C-alpha atoms as a PDB file:
ATOM      1  CA  MET A   1      -5.195  41.970 -18.227  1.00  0.00           C
ATOM      2  CA  LYS A   2      -4.656  38.871 -16.974  1.00  0.00           C
ATOM      3  CA  GLN A   3      -6.866  36.223 -16.967  1.00  0.00           C
ATOM      4  CA  LYS A   4      -7.787  34.467 -13.717  1.00  0.00           C
ATOM      5  CA  LYS A   5      -7.042  31.031 -13.476  1.00  0.00           C
ATOM      6  CA  PRO A   6      -9.944  28.454 -12.224  1.00  0.00           C
ATOM      7  CA  ALA A   7     -10.653  27.715  -8.530  1.00  0.00           C
ATOM      8  CA  TRP A   8      -9.791  23.657  -9.762  1.00  0.00           C
ATOM      9  CA  VAL A   9      -6.939  24.973 -11.604  1.00  0.00           C
ATOM     10  CA  VAL A  10      -5.023  26.227  -9.142  1.00  0.00           C
ATOM     11  CA  GLN A  11      -6.116  23.602  -6.353  1.00  0.00           C
ATOM     12  CA  LYS A  12      -4.744  21.104  -9.082  1.00  0.00           C
ATOM     13  CA  GLU A  13      -1.376  23.320  -9.084  1.00  0.00           C
ATOM     14  CA  ARG A  14      -1.431  23.602  -5.046  1.00  0.00           C
ATOM     15  CA  ASP A  15      -1.569  19.780  -4.790  1.00  0.00           C
ATOM     16  CA  LYS A  16       1.096  19.270  -7.052  1.00  0.00           C
ATOM     17  CA  ARG A  17       3.446  21.694  -5.362  1.00  0.00           C
ATOM     18  CA  ALA A  18       2.233  19.647  -1.979  1.00  0.00           C
ATOM     19  CA  SER A  19       2.766  16.473  -3.358  1.00  0.00           C
ATOM     20  CA  ALA A  20       6.461  17.607  -4.812  1.00  0.00           C
ATOM     21  CA  ALA A  21       7.337  19.061  -1.173  1.00  0.00           C
ATOM     22  CA  GLU A  22       6.200  16.088   0.945  1.00  0.00           C
ATOM     23  CA  THR A  23       8.967  13.665   2.494  1.00  0.00           C
ATOM     24  CA  VAL A  24       8.765  10.173   4.499  1.00  0.00           C
ATOM     25  CA  TRP A  25      10.574   9.496   7.440  1.00  0.00           C
ATOM     26  CA  LEU A  26      11.469   5.795   6.887  1.00  0.00           C
ATOM     27  CA  PHE A  27      12.837   4.161  10.181  1.00  0.00           C
ATOM     28  CA  GLY A  28      14.229   0.340  11.393  1.00  0.00           C
ATOM     29  CA  ILE A  29      17.411  -1.548  10.270  1.00  0.00           C
ATOM     30  CA  HIS A  30      15.110  -3.363   7.538  1.00  0.00           C
ATOM     31  CA  ALA A  31      12.943  -0.252   5.699  1.00  0.00           C
ATOM     32  CA  VAL A  32      15.921   1.534   5.740  1.00  0.00           C
ATOM     33  CA  ARG A  33      18.199  -1.037   4.036  1.00  0.00           C
ATOM     34  CA  ASP A  34      15.459  -1.706   2.008  1.00  0.00           C
ATOM     35  CA  ALA A  35      15.286   2.283   1.091  1.00  0.00           C
ATOM     36  CA  LEU A  36      18.712   2.487   0.023  1.00  0.00           C
ATOM     37  CA  GLU A  37      18.645  -0.632  -1.696  1.00  0.00           C
ATOM     38  CA  ASN A  38      15.508   0.599  -3.924  1.00  0.00           C
ATOM     39  CA  PRO A  39      16.884   2.500  -7.204  1.00  0.00           C
ATOM     40  CA  MET A  40      13.266   3.999  -7.564  1.00  0.00           C
ATOM     41  CA  ARG A  41      13.559   5.981  -4.194  1.00  0.00           C
ATOM     42  CA  GLU A  42      14.647   9.741  -3.676  1.00  0.00           C
ATOM     43  CA  ARG A  43      16.570   9.784  -0.798  1.00  0.00           C
ATOM     44  CA  LEU A  44      17.345  13.334   1.018  1.00  0.00           C
ATOM     45  CA  ARG A  45      18.718  12.221   4.512  1.00  0.00           C
ATOM     46  CA  LEU A  46      20.290   9.347   6.369  1.00  0.00           C
ATOM     47  CA  VAL A  47      20.913   9.558  10.029  1.00  0.00           C
ATOM     48  CA  VAL A  48      22.225   6.497  11.851  1.00  0.00           C
ATOM     49  CA  THR A  49      24.339   5.414  14.831  1.00  0.00           C
ATOM     50  CA  LYS A  50      27.528   4.160  14.744  1.00  0.00           C
ATOM     51  CA  ASN A  51      26.303   0.674  15.792  1.00  0.00           C
ATOM     52  CA  ALA A  52      23.548   0.784  12.833  1.00  0.00           C
ATOM     53  CA  PHE A  53      26.168   2.309  10.476  1.00  0.00           C
ATOM     54  CA  ASP A  54      28.131  -0.550  11.296  1.00  0.00           C
ATOM     55  CA  ARG A  55      25.091  -2.899  10.512  1.00  0.00           C
ATOM     56  CA  LEU A  56      24.008  -0.938   7.160  1.00  0.00           C
ATOM     57  CA  ALA A  57      27.952  -0.016   5.804  1.00  0.00           C
ATOM     58  CA  ASP A  58      27.529  -2.089   2.611  1.00  0.00           C
ATOM     59  CA  VAL A  59      24.129  -0.315   2.081  1.00  0.00           C
ATOM     60  CA  ILE A  60      25.088   2.510   2.662  1.00  0.00           C
ATOM     61  CA  ALA A  61      28.639   2.670   0.799  1.00  0.00           C
ATOM     62  CA  ALA A  62      26.826   1.363  -2.430  1.00  0.00           C
ATOM     63  CA  SER A  63      24.070   4.196  -1.917  1.00  0.00           C
ATOM     64  CA  GLY A  64      26.575   7.006  -2.309  1.00  0.00           C
ATOM     65  CA  MET A  65      25.082   8.674   0.664  1.00  0.00           C
ATOM     66  CA  GLU A  66      26.976  10.789   3.159  1.00  0.00           C
ATOM     67  CA  PRO A  67      25.117   9.655   6.566  1.00  0.00           C
ATOM     68  CA  GLU A  68      24.778  11.897  10.061  1.00  0.00           C
ATOM     69  CA  ILE A  69      26.058   9.796  12.574  1.00  0.00           C
ATOM     70  CA  SER A  70      23.689  10.072  15.275  1.00  0.00           C
ATOM     71  CA  ASP A  71      24.366   9.644  19.645  1.00  0.00           C
ATOM     72  CA  PRO A  72      21.584   7.261  19.881  1.00  0.00           C
ATOM     73  CA  ARG A  73      20.667   9.066  23.476  1.00  0.00           C
ATOM     74  CA  LYS A  74      19.767  11.970  21.312  1.00  0.00           C
ATOM     75  CA  PHE A  75      18.627  10.929  17.835  1.00  0.00           C
ATOM     76  CA  ALA A  76      18.714  13.481  15.524  1.00  0.00           C
ATOM     77  CA  ALA A  77      16.158  12.403  12.990  1.00  0.00           C
ATOM     78  CA  PRO A  78      12.700  14.046  13.826  1.00  0.00           C
ATOM     79  CA  ILE A  79      10.460  11.456  14.241  1.00  0.00           C
ATOM     80  CA  ASP A  80       8.962   9.917  17.304  1.00  0.00           C
ATOM     81  CA  PRO A  81      10.466   8.934  20.070  1.00  0.00           C
ATOM     82  CA  GLN A  82       9.171   6.387  20.630  1.00  0.00           C
ATOM     83  CA  SER A  83       9.414   4.522  17.166  1.00  0.00           C
ATOM     84  CA  VAL A  84      11.392   1.662  17.363  1.00  0.00           C
ATOM     85  CA  HIS A  85      14.235   2.916  14.700  1.00  0.00           C
ATOM     86  CA  GLN A  86      16.889   0.665  15.926  1.00  0.00           C
ATOM     87  CA  GLY A  87      19.648   3.529  15.383  1.00  0.00           C
ATOM     88  CA  ALA A  88      18.998   4.287  11.153  1.00  0.00           C
ATOM     89  CA  ALA A  89      16.385   6.486   9.596  1.00  0.00           C
ATOM     90  CA  LEU A  90      16.294   7.720   5.911  1.00  0.00           C
ATOM     91  CA  GLU A  91      14.012  11.164   4.905  1.00  0.00           C
ATOM     92  CA  VAL A  92      12.882   9.977   1.034  1.00  0.00           C
ATOM     93  CA  LYS A  93      10.108  11.012  -1.426  1.00  0.00           C
ATOM     94  CA  PRO A  94       7.231   8.990  -1.632  1.00  0.00           C
ATOM     95  CA  LEU A  95       7.231   6.035  -4.163  1.00  0.00           C
ATOM     96  CA  ASP A  96       6.014   6.912  -7.598  1.00  0.00           C
ATOM     97  CA  TRP A  97       4.619   3.744  -9.253  1.00  0.00           C
ATOM     98  CA  GLY A  98       2.849   5.114 -12.489  1.00  0.00           C
ATOM     99  CA  ASN A  99      -0.269   4.975 -14.262  1.00  0.00           C
ATOM    100  CA  LEU A 100      -2.646   2.035 -12.928  1.00  0.00           C
ATOM    101  CA  SER A 101      -3.066   1.220 -16.571  1.00  0.00           C
ATOM    102  CA  ASP A 102       0.112   0.225 -16.651  1.00  0.00           C
ATOM    103  CA  ILE A 103       0.739  -1.824 -13.583  1.00  0.00           C
ATOM    104  CA  CYS A 104      -2.159  -3.413 -13.323  1.00  0.00           C
ATOM    105  CA  ALA A 105      -3.219  -4.329 -17.055  1.00  0.00           C
ATOM    106  CA  PRO A 106      -3.937  -8.139 -16.896  1.00  0.00           C
ATOM    107  CA  HIS A 107      -2.604  -8.935 -20.769  1.00  0.00           C
ATOM    108  CA  GLY A 108      -4.552 -12.412 -20.748  1.00  0.00           C
ATOM    109  CA  GLN A 109      -2.974 -13.404 -17.593  1.00  0.00           C
ATOM    110  CA  PRO A 110      -4.818 -14.162 -14.014  1.00  0.00           C
ATOM    111  CA  ALA A 111      -3.985 -10.645 -12.521  1.00  0.00           C
ATOM    112  CA  ARG A 112      -4.723  -9.848  -8.848  1.00  0.00           C
ATOM    113  CA  VAL A 113      -4.833  -6.610  -7.574  1.00  0.00           C
ATOM    114  CA  ILE A 114      -6.224  -5.442  -3.927  1.00  0.00           C
ATOM    115  CA  LEU A 115      -8.539  -2.432  -3.278  1.00  0.00           C
ATOM    116  CA  LEU A 116      -9.219  -0.916   0.304  1.00  0.00           C
ATOM    117  CA  ASP A 117     -12.123   1.265   0.686  1.00  0.00           C
ATOM    118  CA  ARG A 118     -11.259   3.660   4.020  1.00  0.00           C
ATOM    119  CA  VAL A 119      -8.361   1.223   5.382  1.00  0.00           C
ATOM    120  CA  THR A 120      -6.041   4.222   7.731  1.00  0.00           C
ATOM    121  CA  ASP A 121      -4.177   1.765   9.838  1.00  0.00           C
ATOM    122  CA  PRO A 122      -0.560   1.983   8.446  1.00  0.00           C
ATOM    123  CA  HIS A 123      -0.251  -1.258  10.449  1.00  0.00           C
ATOM    124  CA  ASN A 124      -2.706  -3.255   8.735  1.00  0.00           C
ATOM    125  CA  VAL A 125      -1.630  -1.562   4.966  1.00  0.00           C
ATOM    126  CA  GLY A 126       1.715  -2.410   5.976  1.00  0.00           C
ATOM    127  CA  ALA A 127       0.435  -6.040   6.747  1.00  0.00           C
ATOM    128  CA  ILE A 128      -1.413  -5.957   3.554  1.00  0.00           C
ATOM    129  CA  LEU A 129       1.678  -4.873   1.409  1.00  0.00           C
ATOM    130  CA  ARG A 130       3.267  -7.905   2.788  1.00  0.00           C
ATOM    131  CA  SER A 131       0.658 -10.678   1.386  1.00  0.00           C
ATOM    132  CA  ALA A 132       0.444  -8.810  -1.809  1.00  0.00           C
ATOM    133  CA  GLU A 133       4.104  -9.515  -2.443  1.00  0.00           C
ATOM    134  CA  VAL A 134       4.368 -12.828  -1.052  1.00  0.00           C
ATOM    135  CA  PHE A 135       1.465 -14.105  -3.177  1.00  0.00           C
ATOM    136  CA  GLY A 136       1.964 -11.683  -6.479  1.00  0.00           C
ATOM    137  CA  ALA A 137      -0.634  -9.411  -6.203  1.00  0.00           C
ATOM    138  CA  ARG A 138       0.149  -6.171  -9.501  1.00  0.00           C
ATOM    139  CA  ALA A 139      -0.588  -3.875  -6.522  1.00  0.00           C
ATOM    140  CA  VAL A 140      -3.041  -2.624  -3.483  1.00  0.00           C
ATOM    141  CA  VAL A 141      -4.756   0.497  -4.574  1.00  0.00           C
ATOM    142  CA  ALA A 142      -6.149   3.175  -1.993  1.00  0.00           C
ATOM    143  CA  PRO A 143      -7.973   6.575  -2.430  1.00  0.00           C
ATOM    144  CA  HIS A 144      -5.637   9.080  -1.264  1.00  0.00           C
ATOM    145  CA  ARG A 145      -7.831  10.390   1.386  1.00  0.00           C
ATOM    146  CA  HIS A 146      -9.529   8.198   3.832  1.00  0.00           C
ATOM    147  CA  SER A 147      -6.447   6.045   3.523  1.00  0.00           C
ATOM    148  CA  ALA A 148      -3.222   4.853   4.859  1.00  0.00           C
ATOM    149  CA  PRO A 149      -0.461   7.306   3.876  1.00  0.00           C
ATOM    150  CA  GLU A 150       3.070   5.920   3.425  1.00  0.00           C
ATOM    151  CA  THR A 151       4.928   6.684   6.870  1.00  0.00           C
ATOM    152  CA  GLY A 152       7.459   5.020   8.762  1.00  0.00           C
ATOM    153  CA  ALA A 153       5.275   3.045  10.678  1.00  0.00           C
ATOM    154  CA  LEU A 154       3.330   1.517   7.642  1.00  0.00           C
ATOM    155  CA  ALA A 155       7.116   0.647   6.302  1.00  0.00           C
ATOM    156  CA  LYS A 156       8.677  -1.447   9.079  1.00  0.00           C
ATOM    157  CA  THR A 157       5.435  -3.457   9.521  1.00  0.00           C
ATOM    158  CA  ALA A 158       5.609  -3.595   5.584  1.00  0.00           C
ATOM    159  CA  SER A 159       8.959  -5.005   6.473  1.00  0.00           C
ATOM    160  CA  GLY A 160      10.595  -4.125   3.140  1.00  0.00           C
ATOM    161  CA  ALA A 161       7.529  -4.791   0.899  1.00  0.00           C
ATOM    162  CA  LEU A 162       6.693  -0.874   0.344  1.00  0.00           C
ATOM    163  CA  GLU A 163       9.840  -1.127  -1.704  1.00  0.00           C
ATOM    164  CA  ARG A 164       8.993  -3.952  -4.436  1.00  0.00           C
ATOM    165  CA  GLN A 165       4.716  -3.912  -3.862  1.00  0.00           C
ATOM    166  CA  PRO A 166       3.567  -1.101  -5.399  1.00  0.00           C
ATOM    167  CA  TYR A 167       0.989   0.165  -3.513  1.00  0.00           C
ATOM    168  CA  LEU A 168      -0.837   3.239  -6.278  1.00  0.00           C
ATOM    169  CA  ARG A 169      -2.570   6.245  -4.240  1.00  0.00           C
ATOM    170  CA  ILE A 170      -5.550   7.046  -6.507  1.00  0.00           C
ATOM    171  CA  LYS A 171      -8.418   9.839  -6.459  1.00  0.00           C
ATOM    172  CA  ASN A 172     -11.989   7.746  -5.933  1.00  0.00           C
ATOM    173  CA  LEU A 173     -11.950   3.957  -5.567  1.00  0.00           C
ATOM    174  CA  ALA A 174     -15.766   3.655  -7.554  1.00  0.00           C
ATOM    175  CA  THR A 175     -13.898   5.136 -11.078  1.00  0.00           C
ATOM    176  CA  THR A 176     -10.999   2.847 -10.389  1.00  0.00           C
ATOM    177  CA  MET A 177     -12.979  -0.050  -9.864  1.00  0.00           C
ATOM    178  CA  GLU A 178     -14.686   0.358 -13.071  1.00  0.00           C
ATOM    179  CA  ALA A 179     -11.577   1.139 -14.734  1.00  0.00           C
ATOM    180  CA  LEU A 180     -10.292  -1.884 -13.717  1.00  0.00           C
ATOM    181  CA  ARG A 181     -13.677  -3.738 -14.919  1.00  0.00           C
ATOM    182  CA  GLU A 182     -12.956  -2.618 -18.337  1.00  0.00           C
ATOM    183  CA  MET A 183      -9.380  -3.947 -18.293  1.00  0.00           C
ATOM    184  CA  GLY A 184     -10.995  -7.320 -17.490  1.00  0.00           C
ATOM    185  CA  TYR A 185     -10.987  -7.611 -13.703  1.00  0.00           C
ATOM    186  CA  THR A 186     -13.751  -9.014 -11.964  1.00  0.00           C
ATOM    187  CA  LEU A 187     -14.474  -7.121  -8.734  1.00  0.00           C
ATOM    188  CA  LEU A 188     -15.658  -9.063  -5.578  1.00  0.00           C
ATOM    189  CA  GLY A 189     -16.303  -6.831  -2.499  1.00  0.00           C
ATOM    190  CA  LEU A 190     -15.439  -8.903   0.550  1.00  0.00           C
ATOM    191  CA  ASP A 191     -18.528  -8.675   2.974  1.00  0.00           C
ATOM    192  CA  GLY A 192     -19.257 -10.810   6.341  1.00  0.00           C
ATOM    193  CA  GLU A 193     -22.659 -11.060   5.946  1.00  0.00           C
ATOM    194  CA  ALA A 194     -23.063 -12.087   1.610  1.00  0.00           C
ATOM    195  CA  ASP A 195     -24.743 -14.931   0.827  1.00  0.00           C
ATOM    196  CA  GLY A 196     -21.984 -16.295  -1.226  1.00  0.00           C
ATOM    197  CA  THR A 197     -18.883 -17.269  -0.672  1.00  0.00           C
ATOM    198  CA  LEU A 198     -15.317 -16.192  -2.436  1.00  0.00           C
ATOM    199  CA  HIS A 199     -14.357 -19.751  -2.915  1.00  0.00           C
ATOM    200  CA  GLU A 200     -17.899 -20.341  -4.911  1.00  0.00           C
ATOM    201  CA  ALA A 201     -17.171 -17.346  -6.772  1.00  0.00           C
ATOM    202  CA  ILE A 202     -14.063 -17.608  -8.283  1.00  0.00           C
ATOM    203  CA  GLN A 203     -14.803 -21.198  -9.470  1.00  0.00           C
ATOM    204  CA  GLY A 204     -14.495 -20.866 -13.217  1.00  0.00           C
ATOM    205  CA  ASN A 205     -12.911 -17.652 -13.341  1.00  0.00           C
ATOM    206  CA  ASN A 206      -9.526 -18.181 -14.762  1.00  0.00           C
ATOM    207  CA  GLY A 207      -9.494 -13.969 -15.396  1.00  0.00           C
ATOM    208  CA  ALA A 208      -8.147 -11.127 -13.331  1.00  0.00           C
ATOM    209  CA  ILE A 209      -9.938 -11.084  -9.917  1.00  0.00           C
ATOM    210  CA  ALA A 210      -9.649  -7.367  -7.736  1.00  0.00           C
ATOM    211  CA  LEU A 211     -10.297  -8.408  -4.283  1.00  0.00           C
ATOM    212  CA  VAL A 212     -12.106  -5.029  -2.453  1.00  0.00           C
ATOM    213  CA  LEU A 213     -11.819  -5.067   1.043  1.00  0.00           C
ATOM    214  CA  GLY A 214     -13.548  -2.689   3.894  1.00  0.00           C
ATOM    215  CA  ALA A 215     -11.995  -1.018   6.773  1.00  0.00           C
ATOM    216  CA  GLU A 216     -12.738  -2.919  10.241  1.00  0.00           C
ATOM    217  CA  GLY A 217     -16.307  -1.945  11.515  1.00  0.00           C
ATOM    218  CA  PRO A 218     -17.870   0.034   9.031  1.00  0.00           C
ATOM    219  CA  GLY A 219     -16.867  -2.668   6.323  1.00  0.00           C
ATOM    220  CA  LEU A 220     -17.424  -1.416   2.527  1.00  0.00           C
ATOM    221  CA  ARG A 221     -19.165   1.638   1.919  1.00  0.00           C
ATOM    222  CA  ASP A 222     -22.452   1.593   0.113  1.00  0.00           C
ATOM    223  CA  LYS A 223     -21.167   3.297  -2.987  1.00  0.00           C
ATOM    224  CA  THR A 224     -17.897   0.607  -3.142  1.00  0.00           C
ATOM    225  CA  LYS A 225     -20.636  -2.334  -3.161  1.00  0.00           C
ATOM    226  CA  GLU A 226     -22.980  -0.912  -5.698  1.00  0.00           C
ATOM    227  CA  THR A 227     -19.853  -0.863  -7.695  1.00  0.00           C
ATOM    228  CA  CYS A 228     -18.736  -4.226  -7.113  1.00  0.00           C
ATOM    229  CA  ASP A 229     -19.847  -7.305  -9.113  1.00  0.00           C
ATOM    230  CA  GLN A 230     -20.552  -9.575  -6.003  1.00  0.00           C
ATOM    231  CA  LEU A 231     -20.351  -9.640  -2.675  1.00  0.00           C
ATOM    232  CA  VAL A 232     -18.648 -12.605  -0.878  1.00  0.00           C
ATOM    233  CA  ARG A 233     -18.101 -14.134   2.382  1.00  0.00           C
ATOM    234  CA  ILE A 234     -14.517 -15.810   3.529  1.00  0.00           C
ATOM    235  CA  ASP A 235     -16.094 -19.180   4.576  1.00  0.00           C
ATOM    236  CA  ALA A 236     -15.646 -20.019   8.250  1.00  0.00           C
ATOM    237  CA  SER A 237     -15.866 -22.774  10.046  1.00  0.00           C
ATOM    238  CA  GLY A 238     -18.249 -21.845  12.787  1.00  0.00           C
ATOM    239  CA  GLY A 239     -20.852 -19.311  12.357  1.00  0.00           C
ATOM    240  CA  PHE A 240     -18.945 -16.907  14.205  1.00  0.00           C
ATOM    241  CA  GLY A 241     -15.797 -14.736  14.362  1.00  0.00           C
ATOM    242  CA  SER A 242     -14.238 -12.527  12.140  1.00  0.00           C
ATOM    243  CA  LEU A 243     -10.958 -11.659  10.728  1.00  0.00           C
ATOM    244  CA  ASN A 244      -9.224  -8.339  10.557  1.00  0.00           C
ATOM    245  CA  VAL A 245      -8.898  -6.618   7.257  1.00  0.00           C
ATOM    246  CA  SER A 246      -4.890  -7.634   6.649  1.00  0.00           C
ATOM    247  CA  ASN A 247      -5.421 -11.384   8.072  1.00  0.00           C
ATOM    248  CA  ALA A 248      -8.848 -11.363   5.140  1.00  0.00           C
ATOM    249  CA  ALA A 249      -6.322 -10.133   2.727  1.00  0.00           C
ATOM    250  CA  ALA A 250      -4.169 -12.505   2.998  1.00  0.00           C
ATOM    251  CA  VAL A 251      -6.376 -15.795   3.027  1.00  0.00           C
ATOM    252  CA  SER A 252      -8.156 -13.812   0.160  1.00  0.00           C
ATOM    253  CA  LEU A 253      -5.271 -13.650  -1.871  1.00  0.00           C
ATOM    254  CA  TYR A 254      -4.406 -17.852  -1.100  1.00  0.00           C
ATOM    255  CA  GLU A 255      -7.901 -18.455  -1.954  1.00  0.00           C
ATOM    256  CA  VAL A 256      -7.538 -17.244  -5.345  1.00  0.00           C
ATOM    257  CA  GLN A 257      -3.892 -18.336  -5.749  1.00  0.00           C
ATOM    258  CA  VAL A 258      -4.423 -21.917  -5.074  1.00  0.00           C
ATOM    259  CA  LYS A 259      -7.878 -21.584  -7.236  1.00  0.00           C
ATOM    260  CA  SER A 260      -5.509 -20.347  -9.785  1.00  0.00           C
END
């Protein structure tokens, strides 16, 4: 008699099959160009207008892909008609950056990591990826649930950073934070109501720092706050006002870089 698989094994196999079947449509000249130039990308289908083909001819030739030339009035890619696709769309598999320890291990360097708690807006995450690339963060890390997946809108906002800046989707944020702590990271949670400032917290800290940011409005969850080593705020010149999460990430990364 064949033994029945445990429910967790069945679910894990389903998730694996769903992940294998998942594809993403990237759109826009810059996003498509960067994906075509990325050797890590598994590319499936390229749809371009004649004008976009002319603009991308060099990278299309180098990629070895056979493009589908589409009428701009009836663009053949299955994307939102309101998308600013500029006549270029590319179906791809999501990137596999590898595991957390390989990418984020400090190796004695002042490494930086961004962790996102329930940041679901792809435009915010795309902007954060751009800042992370500019300021040399090892990775942007977010849970699979309640976070922005890899989408065309995210890739377009990231303006190429999605192809170069690791974006790691993990199962459990608190567990990942603990793993980073074990690697030597200090976990600083951004909270507008915190007593101490980020500037104060990083003085004398020459090690690895993980900046933890929550969604606008609800901010960090209680469990996330409890897992942080310290809650800090961005020092402001006035007693009012706030930054959105992508701006807060950029300011925080800059502050930490300048201190280093």
